[in-house]
Amino acid sequence: MTLRERLNELSAPSGTPIYGEPYQTPDGATVITVTEPGLFGPRPRGIFVISGGEARWVCDANGERVALLGVLTGLIAAAFATAALLKRPPWPDTSITITKHA
């Protein structure tokens, strides 16, 4: 694929689904893949399964994105906790004052 073809793909509106060729499974179901154009090639979105006269949508769950979201959430929570401890430690304020008695 040339750079010009890749740039032409990027000019397509984001979110425009690309439907694959229907595939007939041995049990009689028809499967149609659905992808979306992305920066590094098409991204899978899910499949349509047509079986027994009914269509069913099966969404593509991206485990890597879910794991990344969990890691980032933990990192942000740790950063906030560290910032809170540095600003105001949990131990009580102590001070020593010397008073002169006359």
N, C-alpha and C. Protein backbone atom coordinates (compact mmCIF):
# COMPACT_ATOMS: atom_id res chain seq x y z
N MET A 1 0.85 -1.16 0.00
CA MET A 1 0.00 0.00 0.00
C MET A 1 0.91 1.24 0.00
N THR A 2 0.59 2.17 -0.87
CA THR A 2 1.39 3.38 -0.98
C THR A 2 0.94 4.41 0.05
N LEU A 3 1.77 5.41 0.24
CA LEU A 3 1.45 6.47 1.20
C LEU A 3 0.20 7.23 0.76
N ARG A 4 0.05 7.44 -0.54
CA ARG A 4 -1.12 8.15 -1.04
C ARG A 4 -2.40 7.38 -0.75
N GLU A 5 -2.37 6.06 -0.92
CA GLU A 5 -3.55 5.25 -0.61
C GLU A 5 -3.87 5.30 0.88
N ARG A 6 -2.83 5.27 1.72
CA ARG A 6 -3.04 5.34 3.16
C ARG A 6 -3.66 6.68 3.56
N LEU A 7 -3.19 7.78 2.96
CA LEU A 7 -3.75 9.09 3.27
C LEU A 7 -5.18 9.21 2.76
N ASN A 8 -5.51 8.58 1.64
CA ASN A 8 -6.89 8.60 1.15
C ASN A 8 -7.81 7.86 2.11
N GLU A 9 -7.32 6.80 2.73
CA GLU A 9 -8.12 6.08 3.73
C GLU A 9 -8.37 6.95 4.95
N LEU A 10 -7.37 7.73 5.35
CA LEU A 10 -7.52 8.59 6.52
C LEU A 10 -8.52 9.70 6.29
N SER A 11 -8.70 10.10 5.03
CA SER A 11 -9.63 11.18 4.76
C SER A 11 -11.09 10.71 4.86
N ALA A 12 -11.29 9.40 4.90
CA ALA A 12 -12.65 8.88 5.07
C ALA A 12 -13.13 9.23 6.47
N PRO A 13 -14.43 9.53 6.63
CA PRO A 13 -14.91 9.89 7.96
C PRO A 13 -14.72 8.74 8.94
N SER A 14 -14.26 9.10 10.12
CA SER A 14 -14.02 8.09 11.15
C SER A 14 -15.36 7.50 11.60
N GLY A 15 -15.36 6.25 11.87
CA GLY A 15 -16.57 5.60 12.32
C GLY A 15 -17.38 4.98 11.18
N THR A 16 -16.92 5.15 9.93
CA THR A 16 -17.61 4.55 8.81
C THR A 16 -17.30 3.06 8.79
N PRO A 17 -18.30 2.21 8.97
CA PRO A 17 -18.02 0.77 9.01
C PRO A 17 -17.67 0.21 7.64
N ILE A 18 -16.81 -0.79 7.66
CA ILE A 18 -16.43 -1.52 6.45
C ILE A 18 -16.89 -2.96 6.66
N TYR A 19 -17.77 -3.43 5.81
CA TYR A 19 -18.33 -4.78 5.94
C TYR A 19 -17.54 -5.74 5.08
N GLY A 20 -17.20 -6.90 5.65
CA GLY A 20 -16.46 -7.92 4.92
C GLY A 20 -17.38 -8.78 4.09
N GLU A 21 -16.78 -9.68 3.37
CA GLU A 21 -17.54 -10.63 2.56
C GLU A 21 -18.26 -11.62 3.47
N PRO A 22 -19.52 -11.93 3.16
CA PRO A 22 -20.24 -12.93 3.97
C PRO A 22 -19.56 -14.30 3.89
N TYR A 23 -19.51 -14.98 5.01
CA TYR A 23 -18.90 -16.31 5.09
C TYR A 23 -19.94 -17.28 5.61
N GLN A 24 -20.14 -18.37 4.90
CA GLN A 24 -21.11 -19.39 5.29
C GLN A 24 -20.39 -20.47 6.10
N THR A 25 -20.81 -20.68 7.35
CA THR A 25 -20.21 -21.70 8.19
C THR A 25 -20.83 -23.06 7.88
N PRO A 26 -20.17 -24.15 8.27
CA PRO A 26 -20.73 -25.49 7.99
C PRO A 26 -22.09 -25.74 8.64
N ASP A 27 -22.40 -25.06 9.75
CA ASP A 27 -23.69 -25.29 10.40
C ASP A 27 -24.80 -24.42 9.81
N GLY A 28 -24.51 -23.64 8.77
CA GLY A 28 -25.54 -22.87 8.08
C GLY A 28 -25.63 -21.41 8.48
N ALA A 29 -24.82 -20.96 9.42
CA ALA A 29 -24.84 -19.56 9.82
C ALA A 29 -24.00 -18.72 8.86
N THR A 30 -24.42 -17.49 8.67
CA THR A 30 -23.66 -16.55 7.84
C THR A 30 -22.99 -15.54 8.75
N VAL A 31 -21.69 -15.32 8.54
CA VAL A 31 -20.89 -14.42 9.37
C VAL A 31 -20.40 -13.28 8.48
N ILE A 32 -20.62 -12.02 8.95
CA ILE A 32 -20.15 -10.84 8.24
C ILE A 32 -19.31 -10.02 9.21
N THR A 33 -18.05 -9.81 8.86
CA THR A 33 -17.17 -9.04 9.73
C THR A 33 -17.39 -7.54 9.51
N VAL A 34 -17.18 -6.76 10.58
CA VAL A 34 -17.32 -5.31 10.51
C VAL A 34 -16.04 -4.69 11.09
N THR A 35 -15.39 -3.85 10.29
CA THR A 35 -14.20 -3.15 10.73
C THR A 35 -14.40 -1.65 10.55
N GLU A 36 -13.43 -0.89 11.04
CA GLU A 36 -13.48 0.56 10.95
C GLU A 36 -12.10 1.05 10.53
N PRO A 37 -12.01 2.04 9.64
CA PRO A 37 -10.68 2.51 9.24
C PRO A 37 -9.96 3.15 10.41
N GLY A 38 -8.66 2.89 10.50
CA GLY A 38 -7.85 3.47 11.57
C GLY A 38 -6.53 3.95 11.01
N LEU A 39 -5.72 4.51 11.87
CA LEU A 39 -4.45 5.08 11.45
C LEU A 39 -3.49 4.00 10.97
N PHE A 40 -3.49 2.86 11.62
CA PHE A 40 -2.56 1.78 11.27
C PHE A 40 -3.26 0.62 10.58
N GLY A 41 -4.36 0.88 9.93
CA GLY A 41 -5.10 -0.16 9.22
C GLY A 41 -6.48 -0.33 9.84
N PRO A 42 -7.26 -1.23 9.29
CA PRO A 42 -8.62 -1.42 9.80
C PRO A 42 -8.61 -2.00 11.21
N ARG A 43 -9.55 -1.51 12.04
CA ARG A 43 -9.70 -1.99 13.41
C ARG A 43 -10.98 -2.82 13.48
N PRO A 44 -10.93 -4.02 14.04
CA PRO A 44 -12.14 -4.84 14.13
C PRO A 44 -13.14 -4.24 15.11
N ARG A 45 -14.42 -4.29 14.76
CA ARG A 45 -15.48 -3.79 15.62
C ARG A 45 -16.40 -4.91 16.08
N GLY A 46 -16.55 -5.95 15.27
CA GLY A 46 -17.43 -7.05 15.65
C GLY A 46 -17.87 -7.82 14.43
N ILE A 47 -18.85 -8.70 14.64
CA ILE A 47 -19.38 -9.51 13.53
C ILE A 47 -20.90 -9.59 13.65
N PHE A 48 -21.52 -9.72 12.50
CA PHE A 48 -22.94 -10.05 12.43
C PHE A 48 -23.03 -11.55 12.18
N VAL A 49 -23.84 -12.23 12.97
CA VAL A 49 -24.09 -13.66 12.77
C VAL A 49 -25.55 -13.81 12.43
N ILE A 50 -25.82 -14.34 11.24
CA ILE A 50 -27.19 -14.56 10.79
C ILE A 50 -27.43 -16.06 10.80
N SER A 51 -28.34 -16.49 11.66
CA SER A 51 -28.61 -17.92 11.80
C SER A 51 -30.09 -18.12 12.10
N GLY A 52 -30.71 -18.99 11.40
CA GLY A 52 -32.12 -19.30 11.64
C GLY A 52 -33.03 -18.10 11.40
N GLY A 53 -32.68 -17.23 10.48
CA GLY A 53 -33.51 -16.07 10.17
C GLY A 53 -33.35 -14.90 11.14
N GLU A 54 -32.47 -15.02 12.11
CA GLU A 54 -32.24 -13.95 13.07
C GLU A 54 -30.80 -13.45 12.96
N ALA A 55 -30.64 -12.13 13.03
CA ALA A 55 -29.31 -11.52 13.01
C ALA A 55 -28.91 -11.17 14.43
N ARG A 56 -27.63 -11.43 14.74
CA ARG A 56 -27.11 -11.15 16.08
C ARG A 56 -25.78 -10.42 15.93
N TRP A 57 -25.58 -9.36 16.72
CA TRP A 57 -24.33 -8.60 16.71
C TRP A 57 -23.43 -9.10 17.83
N VAL A 58 -22.19 -9.43 17.51
CA VAL A 58 -21.20 -9.85 18.50
C VAL A 58 -20.08 -8.81 18.47
N CYS A 59 -19.98 -8.05 19.56
CA CYS A 59 -19.00 -6.96 19.64
C CYS A 59 -17.61 -7.51 19.91
N ASP A 60 -16.61 -6.83 19.34
CA ASP A 60 -15.22 -7.20 19.57
C ASP A 60 -14.75 -6.53 20.86
N ALA A 61 -14.49 -7.31 21.88
CA ALA A 61 -13.98 -6.77 23.14
C ALA A 61 -12.46 -6.79 23.09
N ASN A 62 -11.86 -5.61 23.12
CA ASN A 62 -10.42 -5.50 23.04
C ASN A 62 -9.84 -5.56 24.45
N GLY A 63 -9.26 -6.70 24.79
CA GLY A 63 -8.71 -6.89 26.14
C GLY A 63 -7.52 -5.99 26.43
N GLU A 64 -6.76 -5.66 25.39
CA GLU A 64 -5.60 -4.79 25.60
C GLU A 64 -6.03 -3.39 26.04
N ARG A 65 -7.09 -2.87 25.45
CA ARG A 65 -7.59 -1.55 25.85
C ARG A 65 -8.12 -1.56 27.27
N VAL A 66 -8.81 -2.62 27.64
CA VAL A 66 -9.35 -2.72 29.00
C VAL A 66 -8.20 -2.79 30.01
N ALA A 67 -7.16 -3.57 29.70
CA ALA A 67 -6.01 -3.67 30.60
C ALA A 67 -5.28 -2.34 30.69
N LEU A 68 -5.12 -1.65 29.58
CA LEU A 68 -4.45 -0.35 29.59
C LEU A 68 -5.23 0.66 30.42
N LEU A 69 -6.54 0.65 30.31
CA LEU A 69 -7.37 1.54 31.11
C LEU A 69 -7.21 1.26 32.60
N GLY A 70 -7.14 -0.01 32.98
CA GLY A 70 -6.93 -0.37 34.38
C GLY A 70 -5.57 0.09 34.91
N VAL A 71 -4.53 -0.09 34.10
CA VAL A 71 -3.19 0.33 34.51
C VAL A 71 -3.13 1.85 34.65
N LEU A 72 -3.70 2.57 33.71
CA LEU A 72 -3.69 4.04 33.78
C LEU A 72 -4.49 4.55 34.97
N THR A 73 -5.61 3.91 35.28
CA THR A 73 -6.39 4.31 36.44
C THR A 73 -5.59 4.13 37.73
N GLY A 74 -4.90 3.02 37.86
CA GLY A 74 -4.06 2.79 39.03
C GLY A 74 -2.91 3.78 39.13
N LEU A 75 -2.31 4.11 38.00
CA LEU A 75 -1.20 5.06 37.99
C LEU A 75 -1.67 6.45 38.41
N ILE A 76 -2.80 6.87 37.90
CA ILE A 76 -3.33 8.19 38.27
C ILE A 76 -3.72 8.23 39.75
N ALA A 77 -4.32 7.15 40.26
CA ALA A 77 -4.68 7.10 41.68
C ALA A 77 -3.43 7.16 42.56
N ALA A 78 -2.37 6.46 42.16
CA ALA A 78 -1.13 6.49 42.94
C ALA A 78 -0.50 7.88 42.90
N ALA A 79 -0.57 8.57 41.76
CA ALA A 79 -0.02 9.92 41.66
C ALA A 79 -0.79 10.89 42.55
N PHE A 80 -2.11 10.79 42.58
CA PHE A 80 -2.91 11.66 43.46
C PHE A 80 -2.61 11.37 44.93
N ALA A 81 -2.49 10.11 45.30
CA ALA A 81 -2.20 9.76 46.68
C ALA A 81 -0.82 10.28 47.10
N THR A 82 0.15 10.16 46.22
CA THR A 82 1.49 10.67 46.51
C THR A 82 1.48 12.18 46.66
N ALA A 83 0.78 12.86 45.79
CA ALA A 83 0.69 14.32 45.87
C ALA A 83 0.00 14.76 47.17
N ALA A 84 -1.01 14.04 47.59
CA ALA A 84 -1.71 14.39 48.83
C ALA A 84 -0.81 14.17 50.05
N LEU A 85 -0.01 13.11 50.04
CA LEU A 85 0.88 12.85 51.17
C LEU A 85 2.02 13.87 51.22
N LEU A 86 2.51 14.28 50.08
CA LEU A 86 3.59 15.26 50.08
C LEU A 86 3.11 16.63 50.53
N LYS A 87 1.89 16.97 50.21
CA LYS A 87 1.36 18.27 50.60
C LYS A 87 1.03 18.30 52.09
N ARG A 88 0.39 17.29 52.58
CA ARG A 88 -0.02 17.26 53.99
C ARG A 88 0.14 15.83 54.50
N PRO A 89 1.25 15.54 55.20
CA PRO A 89 1.45 14.17 55.70
C PRO A 89 0.37 13.77 56.70
N PRO A 90 0.10 12.48 56.86
CA PRO A 90 -0.96 12.03 57.76
C PRO A 90 -0.60 12.10 59.24
N TRP A 91 0.69 12.26 59.59
CA TRP A 91 1.05 12.33 61.00
C TRP A 91 0.77 13.73 61.54
N PRO A 92 0.57 13.85 62.84
CA PRO A 92 0.20 15.16 63.42
C PRO A 92 1.37 16.14 63.39
N ASP A 93 1.01 17.41 63.41
CA ASP A 93 2.02 18.45 63.46
C ASP A 93 2.60 18.50 64.88
N THR A 94 3.90 18.54 64.97
CA THR A 94 4.54 18.68 66.28
C THR A 94 5.44 19.89 66.24
N SER A 95 5.45 20.59 67.30
CA SER A 95 6.35 21.74 67.39
C SER A 95 6.81 21.87 68.84
N ILE A 96 8.01 22.36 69.03
CA ILE A 96 8.59 22.55 70.35
C ILE A 96 8.67 24.05 70.61
N THR A 97 8.09 24.46 71.68
CA THR A 97 8.17 25.87 72.07
C THR A 97 8.83 25.97 73.43
N ILE A 98 9.68 26.93 73.59
CA ILE A 98 10.37 27.15 74.85
C ILE A 98 9.80 28.45 75.46
N THR A 99 9.28 28.31 76.63
CA THR A 99 8.75 29.48 77.33
C THR A 99 9.60 29.77 78.56
N LYS A 100 9.84 31.01 78.84
CA LYS A 100 10.62 31.40 80.01
C LYS A 100 9.67 31.77 81.14
N HIS A 101 9.89 31.19 82.29
CA HIS A 101 9.07 31.51 83.47
C HIS A 101 9.84 32.51 84.32
N ALA A 102 9.18 33.55 84.69
CA ALA A 102 9.86 34.55 85.49
C ALA A 102 9.62 34.38 86.96
